[in-house]
Amino acid sequence: MRKLATTTIFIILLVFALGSLRSVFADVPEIRNVVVYQDGADTKLNVAVYHFEEVADDYVDMLRVYVVTGTPNVTQNFPQSGPHVLDPDSHTFNVTLDIGPINDEPLCEVEAHCIQHGWSTVNWIHTVPEYSFPLFLAVSMMTLIVLFKSKSRRSLSVKL
């Protein structure tokens, strides 16, 4: 009888223990994408942060932007309140950060901090303001057209 009671208690505790388990992932946040844009004189970053799960005891509580401006470098912390609503497919959320006016084109790093798993690795480093590829392509084409036209004018003036 005593063995049956001990076995029953053990099975009940095991069932409760297994029922309270949740899956564990290496849930360190990751910066997936940053879009840089100007809003008047201020530079803003639209940051897409990956975090598999956002619950009360496991969420991104801070974003940090490190701007390498020479001396002194600038570090800005952006506290986040509570769990974010994640996109169900990508497990990301977006945050817009205002880093103020930026002179020249300094390097900028963005990191995310999870209250349970700590800081993300630095996986986004770019110059700000960042110029998009279509803008670069348009400026390059305009430059080539101007150079081509000026060269063709010179060849016409030599023939005359």
C-alpha atoms as a PDB file:
ATOM      1  CA  MET A   1       0.000   0.000   0.000  1.00  0.00           C
ATOM      2  CA  ARG A   2       2.807   2.383   0.885  1.00  0.00           C
ATOM      3  CA  LYS A   3       4.581   1.670  -2.426  1.00  0.00           C
ATOM      4  CA  LEU A   4       1.353   2.378  -4.343  1.00  0.00           C
ATOM      5  CA  ALA A   5       0.856   5.722  -2.554  1.00  0.00           C
ATOM      6  CA  THR A   6       4.460   6.772  -3.241  1.00  0.00           C
ATOM      7  CA  THR A   7       4.165   5.782  -6.905  1.00  0.00           C
ATOM      8  CA  THR A   8       0.843   7.644  -7.238  1.00  0.00           C
ATOM      9  CA  ILE A   9       2.273  10.818  -5.690  1.00  0.00           C
ATOM     10  CA  PHE A  10       5.345  10.570  -7.963  1.00  0.00           C
ATOM     11  CA  ILE A  11       3.168  10.173 -11.074  1.00  0.00           C
ATOM     12  CA  ILE A  12       0.956  13.125 -10.078  1.00  0.00           C
ATOM     13  CA  LEU A  13       4.016  15.346  -9.494  1.00  0.00           C
ATOM     14  CA  LEU A  14       5.531  14.214 -12.800  1.00  0.00           C
ATOM     15  CA  VAL A  15       2.319  15.033 -14.690  1.00  0.00           C
ATOM     16  CA  PHE A  16       2.165  18.507 -13.085  1.00  0.00           C
ATOM     17  CA  ALA A  17       5.860  19.100 -13.821  1.00  0.00           C
ATOM     18  CA  LEU A  18       5.508  18.073 -17.461  1.00  0.00           C
ATOM     19  CA  GLY A  19       2.379  20.207 -17.807  1.00  0.00           C
ATOM     20  CA  SER A  20       4.193  23.308 -16.596  1.00  0.00           C
ATOM     21  CA  LEU A  21       7.107  23.006 -19.021  1.00  0.00           C
ATOM     22  CA  ARG A  22       7.333  25.303 -22.000  1.00  0.00           C
ATOM     23  CA  SER A  23       9.630  25.030 -24.943  1.00  0.00           C
ATOM     24  CA  VAL A  24      12.983  26.746 -24.556  1.00  0.00           C
ATOM     25  CA  PHE A  25      14.654  28.521 -27.459  1.00  0.00           C
ATOM     26  CA  ALA A  26      17.827  30.524 -27.616  1.00  0.00           C
ATOM     27  CA  ASP A  27      15.710  33.660 -27.563  1.00  0.00           C
ATOM     28  CA  VAL A  28      18.365  36.341 -27.842  1.00  0.00           C
ATOM     29  CA  PRO A  29      16.901  39.281 -29.796  1.00  0.00           C
ATOM     30  CA  GLU A  30      18.272  40.137 -33.227  1.00  0.00           C
ATOM     31  CA  ILE A  31      18.156  43.317 -35.292  1.00  0.00           C
ATOM     32  CA  ARG A  32      16.729  42.154 -38.640  1.00  0.00           C
ATOM     33  CA  ASN A  33      16.463  45.439 -40.535  1.00  0.00           C
ATOM     34  CA  VAL A  34      16.954  49.159 -40.015  1.00  0.00           C
ATOM     35  CA  VAL A  35      15.569  51.805 -42.342  1.00  0.00           C
ATOM     36  CA  VAL A  36      17.186  55.223 -41.947  1.00  0.00           C
ATOM     37  CA  TYR A  37      15.249  58.355 -42.866  1.00  0.00           C
ATOM     38  CA  GLN A  38      15.236  62.086 -42.228  1.00  0.00           C
ATOM     39  CA  ASP A  39      12.378  63.858 -40.463  1.00  0.00           C
ATOM     40  CA  GLY A  40      13.243  67.527 -40.696  1.00  0.00           C
ATOM     41  CA  ALA A  41      16.642  67.947 -39.038  1.00  0.00           C
ATOM     42  CA  ASP A  42      16.355  64.680 -37.104  1.00  0.00           C
ATOM     43  CA  THR A  43      17.546  61.277 -38.237  1.00  0.00           C
ATOM     44  CA  LYS A  44      15.181  58.428 -37.436  1.00  0.00           C
ATOM     45  CA  LEU A  45      15.691  54.686 -37.501  1.00  0.00           C
ATOM     46  CA  ASN A  46      12.835  52.271 -38.131  1.00  0.00           C
ATOM     47  CA  VAL A  47      14.161  49.102 -36.469  1.00  0.00           C
ATOM     48  CA  ALA A  48      12.767  45.597 -37.054  1.00  0.00           C
ATOM     49  CA  VAL A  49      13.625  43.444 -34.020  1.00  0.00           C
ATOM     50  CA  TYR A  50      13.362  39.643 -34.077  1.00  0.00           C
ATOM     51  CA  HIS A  51      12.447  37.955 -30.790  1.00  0.00           C
ATOM     52  CA  PHE A  52      10.796  34.570 -30.869  1.00  0.00           C
ATOM     53  CA  GLU A  53       8.572  35.185 -27.884  1.00  0.00           C
ATOM     54  CA  GLU A  54       7.367  38.302 -26.085  1.00  0.00           C
ATOM     55  CA  VAL A  55       5.797  37.455 -22.732  1.00  0.00           C
ATOM     56  CA  ALA A  56       5.820  39.098 -19.302  1.00  0.00           C
ATOM     57  CA  ASP A  57       9.076  37.443 -18.203  1.00  0.00           C
ATOM     58  CA  ASP A  58      10.859  37.358 -21.593  1.00  0.00           C
ATOM     59  CA  TYR A  59      10.728  40.507 -23.731  1.00  0.00           C
ATOM     60  CA  VAL A  60      12.917  43.205 -25.267  1.00  0.00           C
ATOM     61  CA  ASP A  61      13.194  45.950 -22.666  1.00  0.00           C
ATOM     62  CA  MET A  62      15.750  48.245 -24.312  1.00  0.00           C
ATOM     63  CA  LEU A  63      17.248  49.223 -27.644  1.00  0.00           C
ATOM     64  CA  ARG A  64      20.667  50.872 -27.789  1.00  0.00           C
ATOM     65  CA  VAL A  65      22.051  53.000 -30.608  1.00  0.00           C
ATOM     66  CA  TYR A  66      25.798  53.648 -30.664  1.00  0.00           C
ATOM     67  CA  VAL A  67      26.834  56.434 -33.042  1.00  0.00           C
ATOM     68  CA  VAL A  68      30.556  56.577 -33.871  1.00  0.00           C
ATOM     69  CA  THR A  69      31.019  60.299 -34.412  1.00  0.00           C
ATOM     70  CA  GLY A  70      34.682  60.619 -33.586  1.00  0.00           C
ATOM     71  CA  THR A  71      35.120  62.090 -30.120  1.00  0.00           C
ATOM     72  CA  PRO A  72      32.972  61.731 -28.147  1.00  0.00           C
ATOM     73  CA  ASN A  73      30.917  58.808 -29.451  1.00  0.00           C
ATOM     74  CA  VAL A  74      27.225  58.884 -28.559  1.00  0.00           C
ATOM     75  CA  THR A  75      25.260  56.041 -26.967  1.00  0.00           C
ATOM     76  CA  GLN A  76      21.488  56.404 -26.672  1.00  0.00           C
ATOM     77  CA  ASN A  77      19.251  53.965 -24.804  1.00  0.00           C
ATOM     78  CA  PHE A  78      15.589  53.583 -25.706  1.00  0.00           C
ATOM     79  CA  PRO A  79      13.637  51.817 -22.931  1.00  0.00           C
ATOM     80  CA  GLN A  80      10.761  49.638 -24.123  1.00  0.00           C
ATOM     81  CA  SER A  81       7.691  48.997 -22.011  1.00  0.00           C
ATOM     82  CA  GLY A  82       6.359  45.464 -21.697  1.00  0.00           C
ATOM     83  CA  PRO A  83       6.022  42.736 -24.300  1.00  0.00           C
ATOM     84  CA  HIS A  84       5.565  43.812 -27.922  1.00  0.00           C
ATOM     85  CA  VAL A  85       3.019  42.478 -30.382  1.00  0.00           C
ATOM     86  CA  LEU A  86       4.953  40.270 -32.778  1.00  0.00           C
ATOM     87  CA  ASP A  87       4.241  39.634 -36.420  1.00  0.00           C
ATOM     88  CA  PRO A  88       3.046  35.993 -36.332  1.00  0.00           C
ATOM     89  CA  ASP A  89       5.081  34.950 -39.386  1.00  0.00           C
ATOM     90  CA  SER A  90       8.418  36.668 -38.795  1.00  0.00           C
ATOM     91  CA  HIS A  91       8.362  37.038 -34.973  1.00  0.00           C
ATOM     92  CA  THR A  92       9.442  40.673 -35.355  1.00  0.00           C
ATOM     93  CA  PHE A  93       8.202  44.028 -34.143  1.00  0.00           C
ATOM     94  CA  ASN A  94       9.075  47.525 -35.364  1.00  0.00           C
ATOM     95  CA  VAL A  95      10.239  50.490 -33.308  1.00  0.00           C
ATOM     96  CA  THR A  96      11.023  53.994 -34.554  1.00  0.00           C
ATOM     97  CA  LEU A  97      13.980  55.621 -32.809  1.00  0.00           C
ATOM     98  CA  ASP A  98      14.751  59.342 -33.057  1.00  0.00           C
ATOM     99  CA  ILE A  99      18.520  59.774 -32.778  1.00  0.00           C
ATOM    100  CA  GLY A 100      18.388  63.526 -33.395  1.00  0.00           C
ATOM    101  CA  PRO A 101      20.397  65.612 -35.853  1.00  0.00           C
ATOM    102  CA  ILE A 102      23.396  63.822 -37.377  1.00  0.00           C
ATOM    103  CA  ASN A 103      26.380  65.566 -38.940  1.00  0.00           C
ATOM    104  CA  ASP A 104      28.394  63.958 -41.739  1.00  0.00           C
ATOM    105  CA  GLU A 105      27.861  60.198 -42.195  1.00  0.00           C
ATOM    106  CA  PRO A 106      28.926  58.437 -38.979  1.00  0.00           C
ATOM    107  CA  LEU A 107      28.772  54.696 -38.375  1.00  0.00           C
ATOM    108  CA  CYS A 108      25.791  53.586 -36.343  1.00  0.00           C
ATOM    109  CA  GLU A 109      25.217  50.322 -34.425  1.00  0.00           C
ATOM    110  CA  VAL A 110      21.872  49.089 -33.088  1.00  0.00           C
ATOM    111  CA  GLU A 111      21.443  46.426 -30.387  1.00  0.00           C
ATOM    112  CA  ALA A 112      18.453  44.979 -28.520  1.00  0.00           C
ATOM    113  CA  HIS A 113      18.312  43.774 -24.898  1.00  0.00           C
ATOM    114  CA  CYS A 114      16.073  40.981 -23.602  1.00  0.00           C
ATOM    115  CA  ILE A 115      15.341  40.916 -19.859  1.00  0.00           C
ATOM    116  CA  GLN A 116      16.052  37.182 -19.767  1.00  0.00           C
ATOM    117  CA  HIS A 117      18.744  36.614 -22.439  1.00  0.00           C
ATOM    118  CA  GLY A 118      20.729  39.863 -22.460  1.00  0.00           C
ATOM    119  CA  TRP A 119      22.115  41.899 -25.364  1.00  0.00           C
ATOM    120  CA  SER A 120      21.949  40.887 -28.985  1.00  0.00           C
ATOM    121  CA  THR A 121      25.136  40.683 -30.970  1.00  0.00           C
ATOM    122  CA  VAL A 122      25.891  43.761 -33.038  1.00  0.00           C
ATOM    123  CA  ASN A 123      24.475  42.662 -36.382  1.00  0.00           C
ATOM    124  CA  TRP A 124      23.581  46.029 -37.892  1.00  0.00           C
ATOM    125  CA  ILE A 125      26.349  48.575 -38.559  1.00  0.00           C
ATOM    126  CA  HIS A 126      25.873  51.195 -41.278  1.00  0.00           C
ATOM    127  CA  THR A 127      26.518  54.819 -42.002  1.00  0.00           C
ATOM    128  CA  VAL A 128      23.687  57.250 -41.367  1.00  0.00           C
ATOM    129  CA  PRO A 129      22.052  58.771 -43.228  1.00  0.00           C
ATOM    130  CA  GLU A 130      22.097  55.712 -45.425  1.00  0.00           C
ATOM    131  CA  TYR A 131      21.519  56.241 -49.125  1.00  0.00           C
ATOM    132  CA  SER A 132      19.276  53.778 -50.869  1.00  0.00           C
ATOM    133  CA  PHE A 133      20.375  51.839 -53.941  1.00  0.00           C
ATOM    134  CA  PRO A 134      17.713  53.403 -56.238  1.00  0.00           C
ATOM    135  CA  LEU A 135      18.892  56.888 -55.232  1.00  0.00           C
ATOM    136  CA  PHE A 136      22.521  55.884 -55.840  1.00  0.00           C
ATOM    137  CA  LEU A 137      21.578  54.416 -59.214  1.00  0.00           C
ATOM    138  CA  ALA A 138      19.663  57.554 -60.256  1.00  0.00           C
ATOM    139  CA  VAL A 139      22.546  59.870 -59.271  1.00  0.00           C
ATOM    140  CA  SER A 140      25.051  57.626 -61.083  1.00  0.00           C
ATOM    141  CA  MET A 141      22.942  57.606 -64.263  1.00  0.00           C
ATOM    142  CA  MET A 142      22.540  61.395 -64.165  1.00  0.00           C
ATOM    143  CA  THR A 143      26.312  61.803 -63.771  1.00  0.00           C
ATOM    144  CA  LEU A 144      26.997  59.490 -66.719  1.00  0.00           C
ATOM    145  CA  ILE A 145      24.470  61.347 -68.906  1.00  0.00           C
ATOM    146  CA  VAL A 146      26.043  64.727 -68.059  1.00  0.00           C
ATOM    147  CA  LEU A 147      29.549  63.386 -68.751  1.00  0.00           C
ATOM    148  CA  PHE A 148      28.443  61.790 -72.028  1.00  0.00           C
ATOM    149  CA  LYS A 149      26.718  64.975 -73.227  1.00  0.00           C
ATOM    150  CA  SER A 150      29.685  67.171 -72.339  1.00  0.00           C
ATOM    151  CA  LYS A 151      32.045  64.804 -74.175  1.00  0.00           C
ATOM    152  CA  SER A 152      29.824  64.761 -77.279  1.00  0.00           C
ATOM    153  CA  ARG A 153      29.707  68.598 -77.286  1.00  0.00           C
ATOM    154  CA  ARG A 154      33.504  68.752 -77.224  1.00  0.00           C
ATOM    155  CA  SER A 155      33.758  66.345 -80.160  1.00  0.00           C
ATOM    156  CA  LEU A 156      31.254  68.460 -82.139  1.00  0.00           C
ATOM    157  CA  SER A 157      33.174  71.696 -81.482  1.00  0.00           C
ATOM    158  CA  VAL A 158      36.440  70.073 -82.629  1.00  0.00           C
ATOM    159  CA  LYS A 159      34.886  68.975 -85.966  1.00  0.00           C
ATOM    160  CA  LEU A 160      33.576  72.481 -86.703  1.00  0.00           C
END
